C-alpha atoms as a PDB file:
ATOM      1  CA  UNK A   1      91.806  77.752 -84.236  1.00  0.00           C
ATOM      2  CA  UNK A   2      93.446  74.345 -84.399  1.00  0.00           C
ATOM      3  CA  UNK A   3      95.540  73.784 -87.493  1.00  0.00           C
ATOM      4  CA  UNK A   4      94.717  70.988 -89.957  1.00  0.00           C
ATOM      5  CA  UNK A   5      97.130  68.067 -90.298  1.00  0.00           C
ATOM      6  CA  UNK A   6     100.370  68.950 -92.097  1.00  0.00           C
ATOM      7  CA  UNK A   7     100.102  68.166 -95.787  1.00  0.00           C
ATOM      8  CA  UNK A   8     101.831  68.959 -99.034  1.00  0.00           C
ATOM      9  CA  UNK A   9      99.584  71.871 -99.961  1.00  0.00           C
ATOM     10  CA  UNK A  10     102.471  74.345-100.001  1.00  0.00           C
ATOM     11  CA  UNK A  11     104.483  71.955-102.188  1.00  0.00           C
ATOM     12  CA  UNK A  12     101.593  71.586-104.613  1.00  0.00           C
ATOM     13  CA  UNK A  13     101.058  75.336-104.835  1.00  0.00           C
ATOM     14  CA  UNK A  14     104.794  75.905-105.293  1.00  0.00           C
ATOM     15  CA  UNK A  15     104.867  73.324-108.067  1.00  0.00           C
ATOM     16  CA  UNK A  16     102.112  75.065-110.009  1.00  0.00           C
ATOM     17  CA  UNK A  17     103.136  78.632-109.104  1.00  0.00           C
ATOM     18  CA  UNK A  18     104.639  80.448-112.049  1.00  0.00           C
ATOM     19  CA  UNK A  19     103.857  83.764-113.625  1.00  0.00           C
ATOM     20  CA  UNK A  20     103.135  83.271-117.310  1.00  0.00           C
ATOM     21  CA  UNK A  21     103.130  86.402-119.376  1.00  0.00           C
ATOM     22  CA  UNK A  22      99.984  85.189-121.078  1.00  0.00           C
ATOM     23  CA  UNK A  23      98.143  81.903-120.715  1.00  0.00           C
ATOM     24  CA  UNK A  24      97.495  79.931-123.930  1.00  0.00           C
ATOM     25  CA  UNK A  25      94.087  80.852-125.273  1.00  0.00           C
ATOM     26  CA  UNK A  26      92.022  78.353-127.146  1.00  0.00           C
ATOM     27  CA  UNK A  27      91.987  78.641-130.923  1.00  0.00           C
ATOM     28  CA  UNK A  28      88.622  79.671-132.359  1.00  0.00           C
ATOM     29  CA  UNK A  29      88.745  76.598-134.600  1.00  0.00           C
ATOM     30  CA  UNK A  30      89.272  74.196-131.695  1.00  0.00           C
ATOM     31  CA  UNK A  31      86.281  73.450-129.506  1.00  0.00           C
ATOM     32  CA  UNK A  32      87.221  72.477-125.968  1.00  0.00           C
ATOM     33  CA  UNK A  33      85.692  69.364-124.475  1.00  0.00           C
ATOM     34  CA  UNK A  34      85.280  70.098-120.771  1.00  0.00           C
ATOM     35  CA  UNK A  35      85.532  67.414-118.147  1.00  0.00           C
ATOM     36  CA  UNK A  36      82.469  66.726-116.037  1.00  0.00           C
ATOM     37  CA  UNK A  37      81.924  65.170-112.636  1.00  0.00           C
ATOM     38  CA  UNK A  38      83.437  65.803-109.224  1.00  0.00           C
ATOM     39  CA  UNK A  39      86.644  67.784-108.813  1.00  0.00           C
ATOM     40  CA  UNK A  40      89.750  65.922-107.707  1.00  0.00           C
ATOM     41  CA  UNK A  41      92.165  67.360-105.146  1.00  0.00           C
ATOM     42  CA  UNK A  42      94.891  68.078-107.771  1.00  0.00           C
ATOM     43  CA  UNK A  43      92.329  69.935-109.904  1.00  0.00           C
ATOM     44  CA  UNK A  44      91.199  71.933-106.870  1.00  0.00           C
ATOM     45  CA  UNK A  45      94.783  72.901-106.020  1.00  0.00           C
ATOM     46  CA  UNK A  46      95.353  74.011-109.644  1.00  0.00           C
ATOM     47  CA  UNK A  47      92.228  76.194-109.424  1.00  0.00           C
ATOM     48  CA  UNK A  48      93.408  77.763-106.157  1.00  0.00           C
ATOM     49  CA  UNK A  49      96.812  78.495-107.712  1.00  0.00           C
ATOM     50  CA  UNK A  50      95.123  80.044-110.765  1.00  0.00           C
ATOM     51  CA  UNK A  51      92.973  82.262-108.534  1.00  0.00           C
ATOM     52  CA  UNK A  52      95.999  83.394-106.551  1.00  0.00           C
ATOM     53  CA  UNK A  53      97.909  84.266-109.720  1.00  0.00           C
ATOM     54  CA  UNK A  54      94.847  86.055-111.090  1.00  0.00           C
ATOM     55  CA  UNK A  55      94.609  88.175-107.913  1.00  0.00           C
ATOM     56  CA  UNK A  56      98.289  89.086-108.217  1.00  0.00           C
ATOM     57  CA  UNK A  57      97.824  89.909-111.902  1.00  0.00           C
ATOM     58  CA  UNK A  58      94.818  92.167-111.241  1.00  0.00           C
ATOM     59  CA  UNK A  59      96.513  93.934-108.307  1.00  0.00           C
ATOM     60  CA  UNK A  60      99.548  94.581-110.495  1.00  0.00           C
ATOM     61  CA  UNK A  61      97.329  95.880-113.309  1.00  0.00           C
ATOM     62  CA  UNK A  62      95.409  98.167-110.927  1.00  0.00           C
ATOM     63  CA  UNK A  63      98.628  99.643-109.512  1.00  0.00           C
ATOM     64  CA  UNK A  64      99.779 100.891-112.952  1.00  0.00           C
ATOM     65  CA  UNK A  65      97.524 103.642-114.389  1.00  0.00           C
ATOM     66  CA  UNK A  66      96.371 102.921-117.963  1.00  0.00           C
ATOM     67  CA  UNK A  67      97.290 105.159-120.892  1.00  0.00           C
ATOM     68  CA  UNK A  68      94.069 106.482-122.510  1.00  0.00           C
ATOM     69  CA  UNK A  69      95.820 107.205-125.819  1.00  0.00           C
ATOM     70  CA  UNK A  70      97.018 103.609-126.211  1.00  0.00           C
ATOM     71  CA  UNK A  71      93.598 102.069-125.607  1.00  0.00           C
ATOM     72  CA  UNK A  72      94.708 100.430-122.343  1.00  0.00           C
ATOM     73  CA  UNK A  73      91.761 101.947-120.485  1.00  0.00           C
ATOM     74  CA  UNK A  74      89.283  99.920-122.500  1.00  0.00           C
ATOM     75  CA  UNK A  75      91.399  96.816-121.955  1.00  0.00           C
ATOM     76  CA  UNK A  76      91.519  97.529-118.212  1.00  0.00           C
ATOM     77  CA  UNK A  77      87.737  97.816-118.072  1.00  0.00           C
ATOM     78  CA  UNK A  78      87.387  94.386-119.654  1.00  0.00           C
ATOM     79  CA  UNK A  79      89.684  92.581-117.197  1.00  0.00           C
ATOM     80  CA  UNK A  80      86.734  91.850-114.908  1.00  0.00           C
ATOM     81  CA  UNK A  81      84.930  90.157-117.780  1.00  0.00           C
ATOM     82  CA  UNK A  82      87.955  88.082-118.837  1.00  0.00           C
ATOM     83  CA  UNK A  83      89.234  87.104-115.390  1.00  0.00           C
ATOM     84  CA  UNK A  84      87.514  83.684-115.289  1.00  0.00           C
ATOM     85  CA  UNK A  85      88.515  83.008-118.902  1.00  0.00           C
ATOM     86  CA  UNK A  86      92.099  83.657-117.793  1.00  0.00           C
ATOM     87  CA  UNK A  87      91.611  81.197-114.925  1.00  0.00           C
ATOM     88  CA  UNK A  88      90.201  78.616-117.348  1.00  0.00           C
ATOM     89  CA  UNK A  89      93.189  79.017-119.701  1.00  0.00           C
ATOM     90  CA  UNK A  90      95.624  78.600-116.805  1.00  0.00           C
ATOM     91  CA  UNK A  91      93.811  75.473-115.594  1.00  0.00           C
ATOM     92  CA  UNK A  92      93.943  74.027-119.101  1.00  0.00           C
ATOM     93  CA  UNK A  93      97.666  74.711-119.324  1.00  0.00           C
ATOM     94  CA  UNK A  94      98.074  72.653-116.110  1.00  0.00           C
ATOM     95  CA  UNK A  95      95.861  69.756-117.271  1.00  0.00           C
ATOM     96  CA  UNK A  96      92.640  70.757-115.465  1.00  0.00           C
ATOM     97  CA  UNK A  97      90.073  70.609-118.271  1.00  0.00           C
ATOM     98  CA  UNK A  98      87.320  72.721-116.701  1.00  0.00           C
ATOM     99  CA  UNK A  99      85.266  75.633-118.068  1.00  0.00           C
ATOM    100  CA  UNK A 100      85.210  79.150-116.643  1.00  0.00           C
ATOM    101  CA  UNK A 101      81.686  78.593-115.281  1.00  0.00           C
ATOM    102  CA  UNK A 102      82.813  75.401-113.556  1.00  0.00           C
ATOM    103  CA  UNK A 103      85.809  77.251-112.083  1.00  0.00           C
ATOM    104  CA  UNK A 104      83.587  80.106-110.870  1.00  0.00           C
ATOM    105  CA  UNK A 105      81.071  77.765-109.222  1.00  0.00           C
ATOM    106  CA  UNK A 106      83.796  75.624-107.649  1.00  0.00           C
ATOM    107  CA  UNK A 107      85.565  78.701-106.254  1.00  0.00           C
ATOM    108  CA  UNK A 108      82.358  79.969-104.650  1.00  0.00           C
ATOM    109  CA  UNK A 109      81.761  76.551-103.056  1.00  0.00           C
ATOM    110  CA  UNK A 110      85.362  76.419-101.814  1.00  0.00           C
ATOM    111  CA  UNK A 111      85.108  79.848-100.174  1.00  0.00           C
ATOM    112  CA  UNK A 112      81.794  78.937 -98.550  1.00  0.00           C
ATOM    113  CA  UNK A 113      83.195  75.678 -97.131  1.00  0.00           C
ATOM    114  CA  UNK A 114      86.408  77.397 -96.027  1.00  0.00           C
ATOM    115  CA  UNK A 115      84.499  80.095 -94.103  1.00  0.00           C
ATOM    116  CA  UNK A 116      82.343  77.484 -92.369  1.00  0.00           C
ATOM    117  CA  UNK A 117      85.357  75.445 -91.272  1.00  0.00           C
ATOM    118  CA  UNK A 118      87.338  78.538 -90.211  1.00  0.00           C
ATOM    119  CA  UNK A 119      84.465  79.938 -88.113  1.00  0.00           C
ATOM    120  CA  UNK A 120      83.846  76.550 -86.498  1.00  0.00           C
ATOM    121  CA  UNK A 121      87.530  76.114 -85.686  1.00  0.00           C
ATOM    122  CA  UNK A 122      87.529  79.570 -84.061  1.00  0.00           C
ATOM    123  CA  UNK A 123      84.606  78.598 -81.842  1.00  0.00           C
ATOM    124  CA  UNK A 124      86.167  75.212 -81.083  1.00  0.00           C
ATOM    125  CA  UNK A 125      89.497  76.744 -80.065  1.00  0.00           C
ATOM    126  CA  UNK A 126      87.696  79.230 -77.805  1.00  0.00           C
ATOM    127  CA  UNK A 127      85.474  76.595 -76.174  1.00  0.00           C
ATOM    128  CA  UNK A 128      88.076  73.830 -75.922  1.00  0.00           C
ATOM    129  CA  UNK A 129      88.090  70.240 -77.162  1.00  0.00           C
ATOM    130  CA  UNK A 130      85.879  69.094 -74.292  1.00  0.00           C
ATOM    131  CA  UNK A 131      82.933  71.129 -75.596  1.00  0.00           C
ATOM    132  CA  UNK A 132      83.569  71.312 -79.340  1.00  0.00           C
ATOM    133  CA  UNK A 133      85.885  68.824 -81.057  1.00  0.00           C
ATOM    134  CA  UNK A 134      88.165  70.018 -83.816  1.00  0.00           C
ATOM    135  CA  UNK A 135      86.900  69.714 -87.355  1.00  0.00           C
ATOM    136  CA  UNK A 136      89.902  67.577 -88.305  1.00  0.00           C
ATOM    137  CA  UNK A 137      89.141  65.069 -85.531  1.00  0.00           C
ATOM    138  CA  UNK A 138      85.526  64.435 -86.548  1.00  0.00           C
ATOM    139  CA  UNK A 139      84.149  61.787 -88.859  1.00  0.00           C
ATOM    140  CA  UNK A 140      82.063  62.643 -91.916  1.00  0.00           C
ATOM    141  CA  UNK A 141      78.734  61.923 -90.224  1.00  0.00           C
ATOM    142  CA  UNK A 142      79.706  64.128 -87.271  1.00  0.00           C
ATOM    143  CA  UNK A 143      80.531  66.982 -89.637  1.00  0.00           C
ATOM    144  CA  UNK A 144      77.168  66.602 -91.379  1.00  0.00           C
ATOM    145  CA  UNK A 145      75.355  66.661 -88.035  1.00  0.00           C
ATOM    146  CA  UNK A 146      76.981  70.028 -87.286  1.00  0.00           C
ATOM    147  CA  UNK A 147      76.075  71.389 -90.752  1.00  0.00           C
ATOM    148  CA  UNK A 148      79.719  71.474 -91.834  1.00  0.00           C
ATOM    149  CA  UNK A 149      81.269  70.441 -95.164  1.00  0.00           C
ATOM    150  CA  UNK A 150      82.072  66.759 -94.907  1.00  0.00           C
ATOM    151  CA  UNK A 151      84.808  66.294 -97.493  1.00  0.00           C
ATOM    152  CA  UNK A 152      87.139  69.322 -97.461  1.00  0.00           C
ATOM    153  CA  UNK A 153      90.738  68.135 -97.193  1.00  0.00           C
ATOM    154  CA  UNK A 154      93.448  69.685 -95.059  1.00  0.00           C
ATOM    155  CA  UNK A 155      95.701  70.522 -98.021  1.00  0.00           C
ATOM    156  CA  UNK A 156      92.867  72.346 -99.784  1.00  0.00           C
ATOM    157  CA  UNK A 157      92.090  74.244 -96.564  1.00  0.00           C
ATOM    158  CA  UNK A 158      95.736  75.255 -96.145  1.00  0.00           C
ATOM    159  CA  UNK A 159      95.937  76.429 -99.771  1.00  0.00           C
ATOM    160  CA  UNK A 160      92.749  78.483 -99.369  1.00  0.00           C
ATOM    161  CA  UNK A 161      94.025  79.896 -96.095  1.00  0.00           C
ATOM    162  CA  UNK A 162      97.181  81.087 -97.866  1.00  0.00           C
ATOM    163  CA  UNK A 163      95.170  82.738-100.647  1.00  0.00           C
ATOM    164  CA  UNK A 164      92.789  84.446 -98.211  1.00  0.00           C
ATOM    165  CA  UNK A 165      95.654  85.822 -96.116  1.00  0.00           C
ATOM    166  CA  UNK A 166      97.391  87.073 -99.246  1.00  0.00           C
ATOM    167  CA  UNK A 167      94.158  88.712-100.429  1.00  0.00           C
ATOM    168  CA  UNK A 168      93.492  90.473 -97.079  1.00  0.00           C
ATOM    169  CA  UNK A 169      96.997  91.271 -95.724  1.00  0.00           C
ATOM    170  CA  UNK A 170      95.737  93.787 -93.137  1.00  0.00           C
ATOM    171  CA  UNK A 171      94.571  90.959 -90.887  1.00  0.00           C
ATOM    172  CA  UNK A 172      98.030  89.407 -90.756  1.00  0.00           C
ATOM    173  CA  UNK A 173     100.180  92.553 -90.617  1.00  0.00           C
ATOM    174  CA  UNK A 174      98.156  94.401 -87.958  1.00  0.00           C
ATOM    175  CA  UNK A 175      99.344  92.248 -85.054  1.00  0.00           C
ATOM    176  CA  UNK A 176     103.135  92.432 -85.693  1.00  0.00           C
ATOM    177  CA  UNK A 177     103.002  96.234 -86.026  1.00  0.00           C
ATOM    178  CA  UNK A 178     101.163  96.602 -82.723  1.00  0.00           C
ATOM    179  CA  UNK A 179     103.156  93.998 -80.812  1.00  0.00           C
ATOM    180  CA  UNK A 180     106.643  94.859 -82.087  1.00  0.00           C
ATOM    181  CA  UNK A 181     108.802  96.607 -79.498  1.00  0.00           C
ATOM    182  CA  UNK A 182     111.290  98.591 -81.637  1.00  0.00           C
ATOM    183  CA  UNK A 183     108.567 100.606 -83.448  1.00  0.00           C
ATOM    184  CA  UNK A 184     107.758 103.079 -80.568  1.00  0.00           C
ATOM    185  CA  UNK A 185     111.399 104.265 -80.363  1.00  0.00           C
ATOM    186  CA  UNK A 186     111.601 105.893 -83.828  1.00  0.00           C
ATOM    187  CA  UNK A 187     108.134 107.350 -83.343  1.00  0.00           C
ATOM    188  CA  UNK A 188     109.199 109.070 -80.097  1.00  0.00           C
ATOM    189  CA  UNK A 189     112.412 110.423 -81.635  1.00  0.00           C
ATOM    190  CA  UNK A 190     110.948 111.657 -84.934  1.00  0.00           C
ATOM    191  CA  UNK A 191     107.171 112.122 -84.660  1.00  0.00           C
ATOM    192  CA  UNK A 192     106.534 113.683 -88.078  1.00  0.00           C
ATOM    193  CA  UNK A 193     108.360 111.119 -90.230  1.00  0.00           C
ATOM    194  CA  UNK A 194     106.692 107.766 -89.277  1.00  0.00           C
ATOM    195  CA  UNK A 195     103.060 108.649 -90.222  1.00  0.00           C
ATOM    196  CA  UNK A 196     103.601 109.120 -93.998  1.00  0.00           C
ATOM    197  CA  UNK A 197     105.374 105.766 -94.707  1.00  0.00           C
ATOM    198  CA  UNK A 198     102.942 103.812 -92.500  1.00  0.00           C
ATOM    199  CA  UNK A 199      99.835 105.526 -93.905  1.00  0.00           C
ATOM    200  CA  UNK A 200     100.709 104.968 -97.569  1.00  0.00           C
ATOM    201  CA  UNK A 201     100.818 101.136 -97.576  1.00  0.00           C
ATOM    202  CA  UNK A 202      97.698 101.018 -95.382  1.00  0.00           C
ATOM    203  CA  UNK A 203      95.793 103.046 -97.964  1.00  0.00           C
ATOM    204  CA  UNK A 204      97.025 100.877-100.832  1.00  0.00           C
ATOM    205  CA  UNK A 205      96.247  97.688 -98.966  1.00  0.00           C
ATOM    206  CA  UNK A 206      92.807  98.999 -98.030  1.00  0.00           C
ATOM    207  CA  UNK A 207      92.127 100.028-101.632  1.00  0.00           C
ATOM    208  CA  UNK A 208      93.253  96.642-102.929  1.00  0.00           C
ATOM    209  CA  UNK A 209      91.124  94.774-100.415  1.00  0.00           C
ATOM    210  CA  UNK A 210      88.142  97.052-100.998  1.00  0.00           C
ATOM    211  CA  UNK A 211      88.487  96.596-104.751  1.00  0.00           C
ATOM    212  CA  UNK A 212      88.614  92.829-104.302  1.00  0.00           C
ATOM    213  CA  UNK A 213      85.592  92.895-101.986  1.00  0.00           C
ATOM    214  CA  UNK A 214      83.649  95.039-104.485  1.00  0.00           C
ATOM    215  CA  UNK A 215      84.481  92.640-107.300  1.00  0.00           C
ATOM    216  CA  UNK A 216      83.443  89.677-105.166  1.00  0.00           C
ATOM    217  CA  UNK A 217      80.151  91.434-104.287  1.00  0.00           C
ATOM    218  CA  UNK A 218      79.500  92.175-107.961  1.00  0.00           C
ATOM    219  CA  UNK A 219      80.184  88.544-108.843  1.00  0.00           C
ATOM    220  CA  UNK A 220      77.897  87.284-106.069  1.00  0.00           C
ATOM    221  CA  UNK A 221      75.138  89.711-107.107  1.00  0.00           C
ATOM    222  CA  UNK A 222      75.490  88.672-110.744  1.00  0.00           C
ATOM    223  CA  UNK A 223      75.342  85.018-109.811  1.00  0.00           C
ATOM    224  CA  UNK A 224      72.335  85.648-107.537  1.00  0.00           C
ATOM    225  CA  UNK A 225      70.497  87.405-110.366  1.00  0.00           C
ATOM    226  CA  UNK A 226      71.419  84.593-112.731  1.00  0.00           C
ATOM    227  CA  UNK A 227      70.089  81.978-110.302  1.00  0.00           C
ATOM    228  CA  UNK A 228      66.938  84.076-109.803  1.00  0.00           C
ATOM    229  CA  UNK A 229      66.401  84.277-113.568  1.00  0.00           C
ATOM    230  CA  UNK A 230      67.012  80.557-113.920  1.00  0.00           C
ATOM    231  CA  UNK A 231      64.530  79.854-111.104  1.00  0.00           C
ATOM    232  CA  UNK A 232      61.853  82.058-112.672  1.00  0.00           C
ATOM    233  CA  UNK A 233      62.387  80.440-116.078  1.00  0.00           C
ATOM    234  CA  UNK A 234      62.119  76.998-114.492  1.00  0.00           C
ATOM    235  CA  UNK A 235      58.853  78.020-112.799  1.00  0.00           C
ATOM    236  CA  UNK A 236      57.479  79.363-116.072  1.00  0.00           C
ATOM    237  CA  UNK A 237      58.529  76.213-117.923  1.00  0.00           C
ATOM    238  CA  UNK A 238      56.933  74.056-115.218  1.00  0.00           C
ATOM    239  CA  UNK A 239      53.659  75.989-115.431  1.00  0.00           C
ATOM    240  CA  UNK A 240      53.637  75.727-119.237  1.00  0.00           C
ATOM    241  CA  UNK A 241      54.353  72.011-118.979  1.00  0.00           C
ATOM    242  CA  UNK A 242      51.560  71.559-116.413  1.00  0.00           C
ATOM    243  CA  UNK A 243      49.084  73.410-118.622  1.00  0.00           C
ATOM    244  CA  UNK A 244      50.154  71.369-121.646  1.00  0.00           C
ATOM    245  CA  UNK A 245      49.763  68.096-119.757  1.00  0.00           C
ATOM    246  CA  UNK A 246      46.355  69.193-118.441  1.00  0.00           C
ATOM    247  CA  UNK A 247      45.125  70.123-121.915  1.00  0.00           C
ATOM    248  CA  UNK A 248      46.491  66.824-123.269  1.00  0.00           C
ATOM    249  CA  UNK A 249      44.591  64.898-120.586  1.00  0.00           C
ATOM    250  CA  UNK A 250      41.435  66.866-121.359  1.00  0.00           C
ATOM    251  CA  UNK A 251      41.775  66.099-125.057  1.00  0.00           C
ATOM    252  CA  UNK A 252      42.291  62.415-124.270  1.00  0.00           C
ATOM    253  CA  UNK A 253      39.214  62.346-122.067  1.00  0.00           C
ATOM    254  CA  UNK A 254      37.136  64.172-124.691  1.00  0.00           C
ATOM    255  CA  UNK A 255      38.318  61.756-127.379  1.00  0.00           C
ATOM    256  CA  UNK A 256      37.426  58.827-125.147  1.00  0.00           C
ATOM    257  CA  UNK A 257      33.911  60.214-124.616  1.00  0.00           C
ATOM    258  CA  UNK A 258      33.475  60.697-128.369  1.00  0.00           C
ATOM    259  CA  UNK A 259      34.590  57.125-129.036  1.00  0.00           C
ATOM    260  CA  UNK A 260      32.134  55.843-126.435  1.00  0.00           C
ATOM    261  CA  UNK A 261      29.295  57.889-127.972  1.00  0.00           C
ATOM    262  CA  UNK A 262      30.090  56.538-131.427  1.00  0.00           C
ATOM    263  CA  UNK A 263      30.103  53.019-130.055  1.00  0.00           C
ATOM    264  CA  UNK A 264      26.686  53.562-128.444  1.00  0.00           C
ATOM    265  CA  UNK A 265      25.294  54.958-131.692  1.00  0.00           C
ATOM    266  CA  UNK A 266      26.668  51.980-133.609  1.00  0.00           C
ATOM    267  CA  UNK A 267      25.032  49.577-131.173  1.00  0.00           C
ATOM    268  CA  UNK A 268      21.720  51.449-131.447  1.00  0.00           C
ATOM    269  CA  UNK A 269      21.857  51.298-135.253  1.00  0.00           C
ATOM    270  CA  UNK A 270      22.680  47.613-135.087  1.00  0.00           C
ATOM    271  CA  UNK A 271      19.731  46.965-132.772  1.00  0.00           C
ATOM    272  CA  UNK A 272      17.343  48.925-134.979  1.00  0.00           C
ATOM    273  CA  UNK A 273      18.609  47.054-138.019  1.00  0.00           C
ATOM    274  CA  UNK A 274      18.086  43.709-136.316  1.00  0.00           C
ATOM    275  CA  UNK A 275      14.588  44.781-135.253  1.00  0.00           C
ATOM    276  CA  UNK A 276      13.743  45.840-138.827  1.00  0.00           C
ATOM    277  CA  UNK A 277      14.992  42.515-140.152  1.00  0.00           C
ATOM    278  CA  UNK A 278      12.879  40.639-137.633  1.00  0.00           C
ATOM    279  CA  UNK A 279       9.761  42.656-138.539  1.00  0.00           C
ATOM    280  CA  UNK A 280      10.431  42.049-142.248  1.00  0.00           C
ATOM    281  CA  UNK A 281      10.729  38.319-141.704  1.00  0.00           C
ATOM    282  CA  UNK A 282       7.496  38.272-139.699  1.00  0.00           C
ATOM    283  CA  UNK A 283       5.686  40.220-142.454  1.00  0.00           C
ATOM    284  CA  UNK A 284       7.065  37.882-145.108  1.00  0.00           C
ATOM    285  CA  UNK A 285       5.884  34.821-143.160  1.00  0.00           C
ATOM    286  CA  UNK A 286       2.373  36.295-142.751  1.00  0.00           C
ATOM    287  CA  UNK A 287       2.248  37.157-146.460  1.00  0.00           C
ATOM    288  CA  UNK A 288       3.254  33.632-147.395  1.00  0.00           C
ATOM    289  CA  UNK A 289       0.597  32.250-145.059  1.00  0.00           C
ATOM    290  CA  UNK A 290      -2.073  34.531-146.592  1.00  0.00           C
ATOM    291  CA  UNK A 291      -0.994  33.526-150.077  1.00  0.00           C
ATOM    292  CA  UNK A 292      -1.164  29.812-149.271  1.00  0.00           C
ATOM    293  CA  UNK A 293      -4.609  30.277-147.729  1.00  0.00           C
ATOM    294  CA  UNK A 294      -5.854  32.092-150.847  1.00  0.00           C
ATOM    295  CA  UNK A 295      -4.465  29.363-153.062  1.00  0.00           C
ATOM    296  CA  UNK A 296      -6.180  26.697-151.020  1.00  0.00           C
ATOM    297  CA  UNK A 297      -9.468  28.642-151.166  1.00  0.00           C
ATOM    298  CA  UNK A 298      -9.146  28.984-154.914  1.00  0.00           C
ATOM    299  CA  UNK A 299      -8.458  25.293-155.338  1.00  0.00           C
ATOM    300  CA  UNK A 300     -11.381  24.286-153.147  1.00  0.00           C
ATOM    301  CA  UNK A 301     -13.711  26.595-155.111  1.00  0.00           C
ATOM    302  CA  UNK A 302     -12.774  25.006-158.412  1.00  0.00           C
ATOM    303  CA  UNK A 303     -13.317  21.517-157.019  1.00  0.00           C
ATOM    304  CA  UNK A 304     -16.816  22.583-155.902  1.00  0.00           C
ATOM    305  CA  UNK A 305     -17.695  23.808-159.408  1.00  0.00           C
ATOM    306  CA  UNK A 306     -16.622  20.549-160.921  1.00  0.00           C
END
């Protein structure tokens, strides 16, 4: 796998690397205002340093058995719950104002991008530059076309590579033990003695790596369940919203029909009222005509008597 361009990742990690006895926890009276938006490279390097120190802290805690009488067993059982809070406190002490959820999500994204780039670089080194170009020689659009992360920097990749090799030391120490020349000599001279010292660190390393893998699996399963619950709640909320909007539209349409019916009734009443007025006027005119005719008949009858 071709190496990324030389950067100052080791310098940055060395600058932030110290082992505080306890990171400053936030006071219950002070509410932290977390920063939002994209992560900068310095913030990412601080997070990687915090994760490396947290791994060292948990490995050291797991190597010392807790005292049940002092209550350390209960504290040891809660370290998995407080690990990301510890990472958040360390990031805050270094000026990275991010929450534990932001740190957890960013770390998962970093590991996913790192694995993609590492696997691609392995294939590229095996196939050669003529068939597959190196990730560090491609432009952003070329990386997107190959379904690779487009913006991971070389210093972040180097820092992650250091943390991954520290977390899984069996991958790095297996080759020197098998390729070293002086090791077969003591084994041939004293067969019984070499197996115990070589077997003990392998067991501890395997237990540490298996414990880390189990914790990572538990975290991924918890996050998967959380995303599944969030997705189901979003679907339920969307269905409730759709039903509410549908009922609102139905009520609007029903109200519109009622208004139209009232308007038709009003127009019918107005027409009947106008028709009644017209008939009344016609009756009044005919009554006046009959009255005038009777008056004229009466007047003509009196003139005839005279």
